[in-house]
Amino acid sequence: GRGGRGAAALRGELERCHARLAETASRLRVAHEQERGYVGRMTEQQGTIDHQQGTIDHLQSKVDALREDLRQGDAAQAALAVQVAAAREHQVSSSRAMAQDLAAERKRVRELQDLLRVTR
């Protein structure tokens, strides 16, 4: 009789082990599903992050280009200001020279008129 009861006990123990194993396997499947979903979401988020980083890089390069344009514009404006100042300076000095020439010319005319008056 004792052997039979031992076999039944073993059978019961084995069934409990099988049930626990099935439960563990089921929990493992659920965990795997969750992990797959999590990995999928992470990959998606990484894609979004990469896209945003690309957009940021693109905008940064636009900003850099605009800054360079401004810098070149400022340099061109400064060069133009120098040219304008030089042209103005030239104008002033040539006007002064013309005024001196004109004064000398008037003086010569007066001297000639005086000579003419004397000779008359």
PDB file of N, CA and C in Angstrom:
ATOM      1  N   GLY A   1       0.806  -1.207   0.000  1.00  0.00           N
ATOM      2  CA  GLY A   1       0.000   0.000   0.000  1.00  0.00           C
ATOM      3  C   GLY A   1       0.839   1.257   0.000  1.00  0.00           C
ATOM      4  N   ARG A   2       2.006   1.166   0.714  1.00  0.00           N
ATOM      5  CA  ARG A   2       2.839   2.380   0.872  1.00  0.00           C
ATOM      6  C   ARG A   2       3.424   2.851  -0.446  1.00  0.00           C
ATOM      7  N   GLY A   3       3.825   1.933  -1.276  1.00  0.00           N
ATOM      8  CA  GLY A   3       4.414   2.279  -2.572  1.00  0.00           C
ATOM      9  C   GLY A   3       3.428   3.037  -3.433  1.00  0.00           C
ATOM     10  N   GLY A   4       2.161   2.641  -3.419  1.00  0.00           N
ATOM     11  CA  GLY A   4       1.111   3.289  -4.221  1.00  0.00           C
ATOM     12  C   GLY A   4       0.920   4.737  -3.811  1.00  0.00           C
ATOM     13  N   ARG A   5       0.897   4.921  -2.456  1.00  0.00           N
ATOM     14  CA  ARG A   5       0.693   6.277  -1.959  1.00  0.00           C
ATOM     15  C   ARG A   5       1.892   7.161  -2.356  1.00  0.00           C
ATOM     16  N   GLY A   6       3.101   6.627  -2.320  1.00  0.00           N
ATOM     17  CA  GLY A   6       4.321   7.367  -2.715  1.00  0.00           C
ATOM     18  C   GLY A   6       4.259   7.784  -4.175  1.00  0.00           C
ATOM     19  N   ALA A   7       3.793   6.859  -5.019  1.00  0.00           N
ATOM     20  CA  ALA A   7       3.692   7.138  -6.454  1.00  0.00           C
ATOM     21  C   ALA A   7       2.670   8.249  -6.693  1.00  0.00           C
ATOM     22  N   ALA A   8       1.532   8.197  -5.975  1.00  0.00           N
ATOM     23  CA  ALA A   8       0.471   9.219  -6.114  1.00  0.00           C
ATOM     24  C   ALA A   8       1.016  10.582  -5.672  1.00  0.00           C
ATOM     25  N   ALA A   9       1.778  10.568  -4.561  1.00  0.00           N
ATOM     26  CA  ALA A   9       2.360  11.817  -4.052  1.00  0.00           C
ATOM     27  C   ALA A   9       3.331  12.402  -5.081  1.00  0.00           C
ATOM     28  N   LEU A  10       4.128  11.505  -5.677  1.00  0.00           N
ATOM     29  CA  LEU A  10       5.084  11.951  -6.697  1.00  0.00           C
ATOM     30  C   LEU A  10       4.362  12.537  -7.901  1.00  0.00           C
ATOM     31  N   ARG A  11       3.274  11.810  -8.283  1.00  0.00           N
ATOM     32  CA  ARG A  11       2.487  12.290  -9.429  1.00  0.00           C
ATOM     33  C   ARG A  11       1.923  13.693  -9.144  1.00  0.00           C
ATOM     34  N   GLY A  12       1.405  13.904  -7.954  1.00  0.00           N
ATOM     35  CA  GLY A  12       0.844  15.200  -7.540  1.00  0.00           C
ATOM     36  C   GLY A  12       1.924  16.291  -7.574  1.00  0.00           C
ATOM     37  N   GLU A  13       3.075  15.942  -7.043  1.00  0.00           N
ATOM     38  CA  GLU A  13       4.216  16.881  -7.015  1.00  0.00           C
ATOM     39  C   GLU A  13       4.599  17.267  -8.448  1.00  0.00           C
ATOM     40  N   LEU A  14       4.647  16.245  -9.334  1.00  0.00           N
ATOM     41  CA  LEU A  14       4.997  16.463 -10.739  1.00  0.00           C
ATOM     42  C   LEU A  14       3.983  17.384 -11.412  1.00  0.00           C
ATOM     43  N   GLU A  15       2.681  17.146 -11.138  1.00  0.00           N
ATOM     44  CA  GLU A  15       1.631  17.995 -11.732  1.00  0.00           C
ATOM     45  C   GLU A  15       1.761  19.442 -11.252  1.00  0.00           C
ATOM     46  N   ARG A  16       2.054  19.593  -9.958  1.00  0.00           N
ATOM     47  CA  ARG A  16       2.247  20.952  -9.409  1.00  0.00           C
ATOM     48  C   ARG A  16       3.445  21.632 -10.078  1.00  0.00           C
ATOM     49  N   CYS A  17       4.509  20.871 -10.289  1.00  0.00           N
ATOM     50  CA  CYS A  17       5.697  21.404 -10.971  1.00  0.00           C
ATOM     51  C   CYS A  17       5.349  21.848 -12.385  1.00  0.00           C
ATOM     52  N   HIS A  18       4.588  20.999 -13.101  1.00  0.00           N
ATOM     53  CA  HIS A  18       4.159  21.328 -14.467  1.00  0.00           C
ATOM     54  C   HIS A  18       3.325  22.607 -14.482  1.00  0.00           C
ATOM     55  N   ALA A  19       2.408  22.716 -13.527  1.00  0.00           N
ATOM     56  CA  ALA A  19       1.537  23.899 -13.442  1.00  0.00           C
ATOM     57  C   ALA A  19       2.385  25.145 -13.199  1.00  0.00           C
ATOM     58  N   ARG A  20       3.350  25.031 -12.255  1.00  0.00           N
ATOM     59  CA  ARG A  20       4.228  26.175 -11.957  1.00  0.00           C
ATOM     60  C   ARG A  20       5.050  26.555 -13.193  1.00  0.00           C
ATOM     61  N   LEU A  21       5.518  25.535 -13.906  1.00  0.00           N
ATOM     62  CA  LEU A  21       6.312  25.752 -15.117  1.00  0.00           C
ATOM     63  C   LEU A  21       5.479  26.467 -16.188  1.00  0.00           C
ATOM     64  N   ALA A  22       4.240  26.005 -16.354  1.00  0.00           N
ATOM     65  CA  ALA A  22       3.337  26.619 -17.345  1.00  0.00           C
ATOM     66  C   ALA A  22       3.078  28.081 -16.974  1.00  0.00           C
ATOM     67  N   GLU A  23       2.855  28.340 -15.677  1.00  0.00           N
ATOM     68  CA  GLU A  23       2.596  29.697 -15.186  1.00  0.00           C
ATOM     69  C   GLU A  23       3.821  30.594 -15.439  1.00  0.00           C
ATOM     70  N   THR A  24       5.001  30.055 -15.129  1.00  0.00           N
ATOM     71  CA  THR A  24       6.250  30.795 -15.336  1.00  0.00           C
ATOM     72  C   THR A  24       6.439  31.112 -16.822  1.00  0.00           C
ATOM     73  N   ALA A  25       6.191  30.111 -17.672  1.00  0.00           N
ATOM     74  CA  ALA A  25       6.326  30.284 -19.126  1.00  0.00           C
ATOM     75  C   ALA A  25       5.380  31.371 -19.609  1.00  0.00           C
ATOM     76  N   SER A  26       4.149  31.363 -19.074  1.00  0.00           N
ATOM     77  CA  SER A  26       3.151  32.366 -19.454  1.00  0.00           C
ATOM     78  C   SER A  26       3.618  33.762 -19.029  1.00  0.00           C
ATOM     79  N   ARG A  27       4.120  33.869 -17.797  1.00  0.00           N
ATOM     80  CA  ARG A  27       4.621  35.163 -17.308  1.00  0.00           C
ATOM     81  C   ARG A  27       5.799  35.634 -18.160  1.00  0.00           C
ATOM     82  N   LEU A  28       6.656  34.707 -18.561  1.00  0.00           N
ATOM     83  CA  LEU A  28       7.817  35.011 -19.377  1.00  0.00           C
ATOM     84  C   LEU A  28       7.374  35.544 -20.749  1.00  0.00           C
ATOM     85  N   ARG A  29       6.327  34.904 -21.325  1.00  0.00           N
ATOM     86  CA  ARG A  29       5.787  35.357 -22.620  1.00  0.00           C
ATOM     87  C   ARG A  29       5.283  36.795 -22.510  1.00  0.00           C
ATOM     88  N   VAL A  30       4.541  37.078 -21.443  1.00  0.00           N
ATOM     89  CA  VAL A  30       4.015  38.432 -21.212  1.00  0.00           C
ATOM     90  C   VAL A  30       5.179  39.422 -21.089  1.00  0.00           C
ATOM     91  N   ALA A  31       6.198  39.031 -20.322  1.00  0.00           N
ATOM     92  CA  ALA A  31       7.372  39.899 -20.125  1.00  0.00           C
ATOM     93  C   ALA A  31       8.061  40.177 -21.461  1.00  0.00           C
ATOM     94  N   HIS A  32       8.158  39.118 -22.308  1.00  0.00           N
ATOM     95  CA  HIS A  32       8.770  39.269 -23.635  1.00  0.00           C
ATOM     96  C   HIS A  32       7.974  40.245 -24.494  1.00  0.00           C
ATOM     97  N   GLU A  33       6.632  40.092 -24.463  1.00  0.00           N
ATOM     98  CA  GLU A  33       5.751  40.996 -25.224  1.00  0.00           C
ATOM     99  C   GLU A  33       5.976  42.439 -24.774  1.00  0.00           C
ATOM    100  N   GLN A  34       5.991  42.650 -23.455  1.00  0.00           N
ATOM    101  CA  GLN A  34       6.187  43.986 -22.899  1.00  0.00           C
ATOM    102  C   GLN A  34       7.540  44.544 -23.340  1.00  0.00           C
ATOM    103  N   GLU A  35       8.559  43.691 -23.274  1.00  0.00           N
ATOM    104  CA  GLU A  35       9.900  44.121 -23.659  1.00  0.00           C
ATOM    105  C   GLU A  35       9.935  44.526 -25.129  1.00  0.00           C
ATOM    106  N   ARG A  36       9.271  43.699 -25.971  1.00  0.00           N
ATOM    107  CA  ARG A  36       9.229  44.018 -27.411  1.00  0.00           C
ATOM    108  C   ARG A  36       8.543  45.369 -27.636  1.00  0.00           C
ATOM    109  N   GLY A  37       7.438  45.590 -26.936  1.00  0.00           N
ATOM    110  CA  GLY A  37       6.717  46.860 -27.045  1.00  0.00           C
ATOM    111  C   GLY A  37       7.592  48.013 -26.588  1.00  0.00           C
ATOM    112  N   TYR A  38       8.289  47.798 -25.491  1.00  0.00           N
ATOM    113  CA  TYR A  38       9.165  48.828 -24.919  1.00  0.00           C
ATOM    114  C   TYR A  38      10.288  49.165 -25.904  1.00  0.00           C
ATOM    115  N   VAL A  39      10.914  48.115 -26.456  1.00  0.00           N
ATOM    116  CA  VAL A  39      11.998  48.310 -27.425  1.00  0.00           C
ATOM    117  C   VAL A  39      11.476  49.051 -28.656  1.00  0.00           C
ATOM    118  N   GLY A  40      10.274  48.674 -29.099  1.00  0.00           N
ATOM    119  CA  GLY A  40       9.657  49.350 -30.250  1.00  0.00           C
ATOM    120  C   GLY A  40       9.446  50.825 -29.972  1.00  0.00           C
ATOM    121  N   ARG A  41       8.928  51.128 -28.776  1.00  0.00           N
ATOM    122  CA  ARG A  41       8.689  52.530 -28.405  1.00  0.00           C
ATOM    123  C   ARG A  41      10.011  53.282 -28.310  1.00  0.00           C
ATOM    124  N   MET A  42      11.024  52.654 -27.733  1.00  0.00           N
ATOM    125  CA  MET A  42      12.344  53.280 -27.595  1.00  0.00           C
ATOM    126  C   MET A  42      12.913  53.599 -28.984  1.00  0.00           C
ATOM    127  N   THR A  43      12.802  52.645 -29.905  1.00  0.00           N
ATOM    128  CA  THR A  43      13.304  52.832 -31.270  1.00  0.00           C
ATOM    129  C   THR A  43      12.585  54.000 -31.933  1.00  0.00           C
ATOM    130  N   GLU A  44      11.251  54.046 -31.748  1.00  0.00           N
ATOM    131  CA  GLU A  44      10.434  55.120 -32.312  1.00  0.00           C
ATOM    132  C   GLU A  44      10.881  56.470 -31.746  1.00  0.00           C
ATOM    133  N   GLN A  45      11.056  56.524 -30.415  1.00  0.00           N
ATOM    134  CA  GLN A  45      11.491  57.764 -29.760  1.00  0.00           C
ATOM    135  C   GLN A  45      12.877  58.174 -30.252  1.00  0.00           C
ATOM    136  N   GLN A  46      13.758  57.193 -30.415  1.00  0.00           N
ATOM    137  CA  GLN A  46      15.109  57.483 -30.908  1.00  0.00           C
ATOM    138  C   GLN A  46      15.020  58.087 -32.300  1.00  0.00           C
ATOM    139  N   GLY A  47      14.125  57.549 -33.122  1.00  0.00           N
ATOM    140  CA  GLY A  47      13.910  58.086 -34.473  1.00  0.00           C
ATOM    141  C   GLY A  47      13.450  59.530 -34.415  1.00  0.00           C
ATOM    142  N   THR A  48      12.502  59.801 -33.513  1.00  0.00           N
ATOM    143  CA  THR A  48      11.988  61.170 -33.332  1.00  0.00           C
ATOM    144  C   THR A  48      13.118  62.096 -32.888  1.00  0.00           C
ATOM    145  N   ILE A  49      13.910  61.637 -31.928  1.00  0.00           N
ATOM    146  CA  ILE A  49      15.038  62.420 -31.401  1.00  0.00           C
ATOM    147  C   ILE A  49      16.042  62.712 -32.526  1.00  0.00           C
ATOM    148  N   ASP A  50      16.363  61.690 -33.317  1.00  0.00           N
ATOM    149  CA  ASP A  50      17.307  61.865 -34.433  1.00  0.00           C
ATOM    150  C   ASP A  50      16.773  62.894 -35.426  1.00  0.00           C
ATOM    151  N   HIS A  51      15.461  62.802 -35.713  1.00  0.00           N
ATOM    152  CA  HIS A  51      14.831  63.734 -36.651  1.00  0.00           C
ATOM    153  C   HIS A  51      14.923  65.160 -36.116  1.00  0.00           C
ATOM    154  N   GLN A  52      14.598  65.338 -34.836  1.00  0.00           N
ATOM    155  CA  GLN A  52      14.661  66.664 -34.210  1.00  0.00           C
ATOM    156  C   GLN A  52      16.093  67.195 -34.233  1.00  0.00           C
ATOM    157  N   GLN A  53      17.054  66.306 -33.954  1.00  0.00           N
ATOM    158  CA  GLN A  53      18.468  66.710 -33.970  1.00  0.00           C
ATOM    159  C   GLN A  53      18.858  67.177 -35.370  1.00  0.00           C
ATOM    160  N   GLY A  54      18.366  66.466 -36.380  1.00  0.00           N
ATOM    161  CA  GLY A  54      18.620  66.857 -37.768  1.00  0.00           C
ATOM    162  C   GLY A  54      18.054  68.228 -38.060  1.00  0.00           C
ATOM    163  N   THR A  55      16.818  68.469 -37.589  1.00  0.00           N
ATOM    164  CA  THR A  55      16.163  69.774 -37.775  1.00  0.00           C
ATOM    165  C   THR A  55      16.979  70.865 -37.087  1.00  0.00           C
ATOM    166  N   ILE A  56      17.424  70.596 -35.863  1.00  0.00           N
ATOM    167  CA  ILE A  56      18.222  71.557 -35.089  1.00  0.00           C
ATOM    168  C   ILE A  56      19.519  71.870 -35.831  1.00  0.00           C
ATOM    169  N   ASP A  57      20.199  70.818 -36.318  1.00  0.00           N
ATOM    170  CA  ASP A  57      21.458  71.003 -37.058  1.00  0.00           C
ATOM    171  C   ASP A  57      21.227  71.868 -38.300  1.00  0.00           C
ATOM    172  N   HIS A  58      20.115  71.576 -39.020  1.00  0.00           N
ATOM    173  CA  HIS A  58      19.770  72.320 -40.235  1.00  0.00           C
ATOM    174  C   HIS A  58      19.561  73.801 -39.903  1.00  0.00           C
ATOM    175  N   LEU A  59      18.784  74.060 -38.855  1.00  0.00           N
ATOM    176  CA  LEU A  59      18.512  75.445 -38.437  1.00  0.00           C
ATOM    177  C   LEU A  59      19.802  76.139 -38.001  1.00  0.00           C
ATOM    178  N   GLN A  60      20.650  75.401 -37.281  1.00  0.00           N
ATOM    179  CA  GLN A  60      21.925  75.968 -36.812  1.00  0.00           C
ATOM    180  C   GLN A  60      22.785  76.386 -38.002  1.00  0.00           C
ATOM    181  N   SER A  61      22.814  75.546 -39.044  1.00  0.00           N
ATOM    182  CA  SER A  61      23.633  75.886 -40.217  1.00  0.00           C
ATOM    183  C   SER A  61      23.037  77.096 -40.936  1.00  0.00           C
ATOM    184  N   LYS A  62      21.690  77.218 -40.933  1.00  0.00           N
ATOM    185  CA  LYS A  62      21.039  78.398 -41.520  1.00  0.00           C
ATOM    186  C   LYS A  62      21.443  79.655 -40.739  1.00  0.00           C
ATOM    187  N   VAL A  63      21.399  79.549 -39.412  1.00  0.00           N
ATOM    188  CA  VAL A  63      21.773  80.671 -38.541  1.00  0.00           C
ATOM    189  C   VAL A  63      23.225  81.071 -38.811  1.00  0.00           C
ATOM    190  N   ASP A  64      24.109  80.075 -38.916  1.00  0.00           N
ATOM    191  CA  ASP A  64      25.526  80.341 -39.195  1.00  0.00           C
ATOM    192  C   ASP A  64      25.689  81.059 -40.532  1.00  0.00           C
ATOM    193  N   ALA A  65      24.944  80.591 -41.551  1.00  0.00           N
ATOM    194  CA  ALA A  65      25.023  81.206 -42.885  1.00  0.00           C
ATOM    195  C   ALA A  65      24.551  82.659 -42.831  1.00  0.00           C
ATOM    196  N   LEU A  66      23.444  82.895 -42.117  1.00  0.00           N
ATOM    197  CA  LEU A  66      22.916  84.266 -41.989  1.00  0.00           C
ATOM    198  C   LEU A  66      23.913  85.159 -41.264  1.00  0.00           C
ATOM    199  N   ARG A  67      24.535  84.606 -40.216  1.00  0.00           N
ATOM    200  CA  ARG A  67      25.525  85.362 -39.448  1.00  0.00           C
ATOM    201  C   ARG A  67      26.691  85.757 -40.351  1.00  0.00           C
ATOM    202  N   GLU A  68      27.117  84.809 -41.198  1.00  0.00           N
ATOM    203  CA  GLU A  68      28.222  85.051 -42.135  1.00  0.00           C
ATOM    204  C   GLU A  68      27.820  86.135 -43.145  1.00  0.00           C
ATOM    205  N   ASP A  69      26.566  86.050 -43.655  1.00  0.00           N
ATOM    206  CA  ASP A  69      26.052  87.072 -44.584  1.00  0.00           C
ATOM    207  C   ASP A  69      26.093  88.450 -43.926  1.00  0.00           C
ATOM    208  N   LEU A  70      25.642  88.511 -42.678  1.00  0.00           N
ATOM    209  CA  LEU A  70      25.639  89.778 -41.938  1.00  0.00           C
ATOM    210  C   LEU A  70      27.057  90.313 -41.779  1.00  0.00           C
ATOM    211  N   ARG A  71      27.978  89.396 -41.431  1.00  0.00           N
ATOM    212  CA  ARG A  71      29.372  89.793 -41.232  1.00  0.00           C
ATOM    213  C   ARG A  71      29.938  90.370 -42.530  1.00  0.00           C
ATOM    214  N   GLN A  72      29.675  89.684 -43.638  1.00  0.00           N
ATOM    215  CA  GLN A  72      30.161  90.154 -44.943  1.00  0.00           C
ATOM    216  C   GLN A  72      29.509  91.483 -45.304  1.00  0.00           C
ATOM    217  N   GLY A  73      28.203  91.612 -44.999  1.00  0.00           N
ATOM    218  CA  GLY A  73      27.480  92.859 -45.253  1.00  0.00           C
ATOM    219  C   GLY A  73      28.087  94.009 -44.473  1.00  0.00           C
ATOM    220  N   ASP A  74      28.402  93.732 -43.195  1.00  0.00           N
ATOM    221  CA  ASP A  74      29.032  94.755 -42.350  1.00  0.00           C
ATOM    222  C   ASP A  74      30.387  95.163 -42.914  1.00  0.00           C
ATOM    223  N   ALA A  75      31.154  94.158 -43.348  1.00  0.00           N
ATOM    224  CA  ALA A  75      32.485  94.429 -43.913  1.00  0.00           C
ATOM    225  C   ALA A  75      32.350  95.277 -45.179  1.00  0.00           C
ATOM    226  N   ALA A  76      31.383  94.928 -46.039  1.00  0.00           N
ATOM    227  CA  ALA A  76      31.155  95.667 -47.292  1.00  0.00           C
ATOM    228  C   ALA A  76      30.746  97.105 -46.979  1.00  0.00           C
ATOM    229  N   GLN A  77      29.876  97.247 -45.969  1.00  0.00           N
ATOM    230  CA  GLN A  77      29.405  98.575 -45.571  1.00  0.00           C
ATOM    231  C   GLN A  77      30.572  99.423 -45.055  1.00  0.00           C
ATOM    232  N   ALA A  78      31.434  98.793 -44.262  1.00  0.00           N
ATOM    233  CA  ALA A  78      32.610  99.497 -43.718  1.00  0.00           C
ATOM    234  C   ALA A  78      33.528  99.940 -44.863  1.00  0.00           C
ATOM    235  N   ALA A  79      33.751  99.038 -45.830  1.00  0.00           N
ATOM    236  CA  ALA A  79      34.605  99.353 -46.984  1.00  0.00           C
ATOM    237  C   ALA A  79      34.006 100.506 -47.781  1.00  0.00           C
ATOM    238  N   LEU A  80      32.680 100.471 -47.950  1.00  0.00           N
ATOM    239  CA  LEU A  80      31.976 101.525 -48.684  1.00  0.00           C
ATOM    240  C   LEU A  80      32.112 102.862 -47.957  1.00  0.00           C
ATOM    241  N   ALA A  81      31.991 102.825 -46.638  1.00  0.00           N
ATOM    242  CA  ALA A  81      32.121 104.043 -45.824  1.00  0.00           C
ATOM    243  C   ALA A  81      33.515 104.655 -46.021  1.00  0.00           C
ATOM    244  N   VAL A  82      34.536 103.780 -46.067  1.00  0.00           N
ATOM    245  CA  VAL A  82      35.921 104.254 -46.287  1.00  0.00           C
ATOM    246  C   VAL A  82      36.021 104.910 -47.667  1.00  0.00           C
ATOM    247  N   GLN A  83      35.429 104.254 -48.684  1.00  0.00           N
ATOM    248  CA  GLN A  83      35.465 104.802 -50.054  1.00  0.00           C
ATOM    249  C   GLN A  83      34.752 106.159 -50.118  1.00  0.00           C
ATOM    250  N   VAL A  84      33.581 106.238 -49.470  1.00  0.00           N
ATOM    251  CA  VAL A  84      32.813 107.484 -49.466  1.00  0.00           C
ATOM    252  C   VAL A  84      33.623 108.597 -48.799  1.00  0.00           C
ATOM    253  N   ALA A  85      34.247 108.269 -47.665  1.00  0.00           N
ATOM    254  CA  ALA A  85      35.062 109.258 -46.947  1.00  0.00           C
ATOM    255  C   ALA A  85      36.223 109.729 -47.826  1.00  0.00           C
ATOM    256  N   ALA A  86      36.870 108.783 -48.520  1.00  0.00           N
ATOM    257  CA  ALA A  86      37.996 109.126 -49.401  1.00  0.00           C
ATOM    258  C   ALA A  86      37.515 110.018 -50.548  1.00  0.00           C
ATOM    259  N   ALA A  87      36.360 109.657 -51.127  1.00  0.00           N
ATOM    260  CA  ALA A  87      35.801 110.441 -52.240  1.00  0.00           C
ATOM    261  C   ALA A  87      35.469 111.853 -51.764  1.00  0.00           C
ATOM    262  N   ARG A  88      34.881 111.961 -50.564  1.00  0.00           N
ATOM    263  CA  ARG A  88      34.521 113.259 -49.995  1.00  0.00           C
ATOM    264  C   ARG A  88      35.779 114.101 -49.774  1.00  0.00           C
ATOM    265  N   GLU A  89      36.800 113.444 -49.226  1.00  0.00           N
ATOM    266  CA  GLU A  89      38.091 114.110 -48.972  1.00  0.00           C
ATOM    267  C   GLU A  89      38.677 114.632 -50.289  1.00  0.00           C
ATOM    268  N   HIS A  90      38.633 113.779 -51.317  1.00  0.00           N
ATOM    269  CA  HIS A  90      39.147 114.151 -52.646  1.00  0.00           C
ATOM    270  C   HIS A  90      38.375 115.347 -53.195  1.00  0.00           C
ATOM    271  N   GLN A  91      37.051 115.282 -53.058  1.00  0.00           N
ATOM    272  CA  GLN A  91      36.163 116.358 -53.527  1.00  0.00           C
ATOM    273  C   GLN A  91      36.534 117.679 -52.849  1.00  0.00           C
ATOM    274  N   VAL A  92      36.689 117.601 -51.515  1.00  0.00           N
ATOM    275  CA  VAL A  92      37.025 118.810 -50.738  1.00  0.00           C
ATOM    276  C   VAL A  92      38.355 119.383 -51.197  1.00  0.00           C
ATOM    277  N   SER A  93      39.369 118.506 -51.321  1.00  0.00           N
ATOM    278  CA  SER A  93      40.706 119.020 -51.686  1.00  0.00           C
ATOM    279  C   SER A  93      40.713 119.536 -53.120  1.00  0.00           C
ATOM    280  N   SER A  94      39.980 118.861 -54.032  1.00  0.00           N
ATOM    281  CA  SER A  94      39.967 119.355 -55.424  1.00  0.00           C
ATOM    282  C   SER A  94      39.158 120.646 -55.508  1.00  0.00           C
ATOM    283  N   SER A  95      38.096 120.777 -54.695  1.00  0.00           N
ATOM    284  CA  SER A  95      37.330 122.037 -54.655  1.00  0.00           C
ATOM    285  C   SER A  95      38.233 123.167 -54.161  1.00  0.00           C
ATOM    286  N   ARG A  96      39.013 122.848 -53.131  1.00  0.00           N
ATOM    287  CA  ARG A  96      39.936 123.841 -52.565  1.00  0.00           C
ATOM    288  C   ARG A  96      40.957 124.258 -53.632  1.00  0.00           C
ATOM    289  N   ALA A  97      41.481 123.259 -54.344  1.00  0.00           N
ATOM    290  CA  ALA A  97      42.471 123.537 -55.400  1.00  0.00           C
ATOM    291  C   ALA A  97      41.847 124.399 -56.499  1.00  0.00           C
ATOM    292  N   MET A  98      40.594 124.048 -56.880  1.00  0.00           N
ATOM    293  CA  MET A  98      39.911 124.827 -57.918  1.00  0.00           C
ATOM    294  C   MET A  98      39.685 126.265 -57.442  1.00  0.00           C
ATOM    295  N   ALA A  99      39.304 126.414 -56.169  1.00  0.00           N
ATOM    296  CA  ALA A  99      39.082 127.757 -55.603  1.00  0.00           C
ATOM    297  C   ALA A  99      40.374 128.557 -55.641  1.00  0.00           C
ATOM    298  N   GLN A 100      41.493 127.908 -55.306  1.00  0.00           N
ATOM    299  CA  GLN A 100      42.804 128.596 -55.338  1.00  0.00           C
ATOM    300  C   GLN A 100      43.139 128.988 -56.771  1.00  0.00           C
ATOM    301  N   ASP A 101      42.913 128.046 -57.718  1.00  0.00           N
ATOM    302  CA  ASP A 101      43.174 128.340 -59.141  1.00  0.00           C
ATOM    303  C   ASP A 101      42.339 129.531 -59.589  1.00  0.00           C
ATOM    304  N   LEU A 102      41.058 129.509 -59.176  1.00  0.00           N
ATOM    305  CA  LEU A 102      40.145 130.575 -59.554  1.00  0.00           C
ATOM    306  C   LEU A 102      40.624 131.914 -58.982  1.00  0.00           C
ATOM    307  N   ALA A 103      41.054 131.901 -57.721  1.00  0.00           N
ATOM    308  CA  ALA A 103      41.556 133.125 -57.065  1.00  0.00           C
ATOM    309  C   ALA A 103      42.785 133.632 -57.804  1.00  0.00           C
ATOM    310  N   ALA A 104      43.687 132.715 -58.179  1.00  0.00           N
ATOM    311  CA  ALA A 104      44.906 133.096 -58.907  1.00  0.00           C
ATOM    312  C   ALA A 104      44.530 133.684 -60.260  1.00  0.00           C
ATOM    313  N   GLU A 105      43.560 133.054 -60.915  1.00  0.00           N
ATOM    314  CA  GLU A 105      43.082 133.509 -62.223  1.00  0.00           C
ATOM    315  C   GLU A 105      42.510 134.927 -62.110  1.00  0.00           C
ATOM    316  N   ARG A 106      41.681 135.163 -61.097  1.00  0.00           N
ATOM    317  CA  ARG A 106      41.083 136.496 -60.870  1.00  0.00           C
ATOM    318  C   ARG A 106      42.174 137.549 -60.646  1.00  0.00           C
ATOM    319  N   LYS A 107      43.165 137.105 -59.853  1.00  0.00           N
ATOM    320  CA  LYS A 107      44.286 138.028 -59.556  1.00  0.00           C
ATOM    321  C   LYS A 107      44.995 138.420 -60.850  1.00  0.00           C
ATOM    322  N   ARG A 108      45.254 137.419 -61.727  1.00  0.00           N
ATOM    323  CA  ARG A 108      45.914 137.684 -63.012  1.00  0.00           C
ATOM    324  C   ARG A 108      45.058 138.635 -63.865  1.00  0.00           C
ATOM    325  N   VAL A 109      43.744 138.380 -63.880  1.00  0.00           N
ATOM    326  CA  VAL A 109      42.830 139.230 -64.651  1.00  0.00           C
ATOM    327  C   VAL A 109      42.919 140.668 -64.142  1.00  0.00           C
ATOM    328  N   ARG A 110      42.867 140.828 -62.803  1.00  0.00           N
ATOM    329  CA  ARG A 110      42.964 142.180 -62.212  1.00  0.00           C
ATOM    330  C   ARG A 110      44.280 142.861 -62.605  1.00  0.00           C
ATOM    331  N   GLU A 111      45.366 142.052 -62.518  1.00  0.00           N
ATOM    332  CA  GLU A 111      46.684 142.610 -62.871  1.00  0.00           C
ATOM    333  C   GLU A 111      46.702 143.064 -64.330  1.00  0.00           C
ATOM    334  N   LEU A 112      46.091 142.231 -65.219  1.00  0.00           N
ATOM    335  CA  LEU A 112      46.031 142.588 -66.640  1.00  0.00           C
ATOM    336  C   LEU A 112      45.201 143.848 -66.849  1.00  0.00           C
ATOM    337  N   GLN A 113      44.052 143.895 -66.126  1.00  0.00           N
ATOM    338  CA  GLN A 113      43.188 145.088 -66.243  1.00  0.00           C
ATOM    339  C   GLN A 113      43.939 146.345 -65.793  1.00  0.00           C
ATOM    340  N   ASP A 114      44.706 146.186 -64.687  1.00  0.00           N
ATOM    341  CA  ASP A 114      45.488 147.315 -64.182  1.00  0.00           C
ATOM    342  C   ASP A 114      46.508 147.759 -65.241  1.00  0.00           C
ATOM    343  N   LEU A 115      47.172 146.756 -65.855  1.00  0.00           N
ATOM    344  CA  LEU A 115      48.153 147.059 -66.892  1.00  0.00           C
ATOM    345  C   LEU A 115      47.503 147.817 -68.053  1.00  0.00           C
ATOM    346  N   LEU A 116      46.322 147.319 -68.457  1.00  0.00           N
ATOM    347  CA  LEU A 116      45.588 147.944 -69.555  1.00  0.00           C
ATOM    348  C   LEU A 116      45.242 149.383 -69.220  1.00  0.00           C
ATOM    349  N   ARG A 117      44.801 149.579 -67.982  1.00  0.00           N
ATOM    350  CA  ARG A 117      44.434 150.944 -67.547  1.00  0.00           C
ATOM    351  C   ARG A 117      45.647 151.851 -67.613  1.00  0.00           C
ATOM    352  N   VAL A 118      46.788 151.324 -67.149  1.00  0.00           N
ATOM    353  CA  VAL A 118      48.006 152.136 -67.121  1.00  0.00           C
ATOM    354  C   VAL A 118      48.424 152.480 -68.551  1.00  0.00           C
ATOM    355  N   THR A 119      48.339 151.481 -69.452  1.00  0.00           N
ATOM    356  CA  THR A 119      48.800 151.709 -70.827  1.00  0.00           C
ATOM    357  C   THR A 119      47.874 152.609 -71.595  1.00  0.00           C
ATOM    358  N   ARG A 120      46.585 152.710 -71.216  1.00  0.00           N
ATOM    359  CA  ARG A 120      45.662 153.596 -71.927  1.00  0.00           C
ATOM    360  C   ARG A 120      46.022 154.985 -71.777  1.00  0.00           C
TER     361      ARG A 120
END
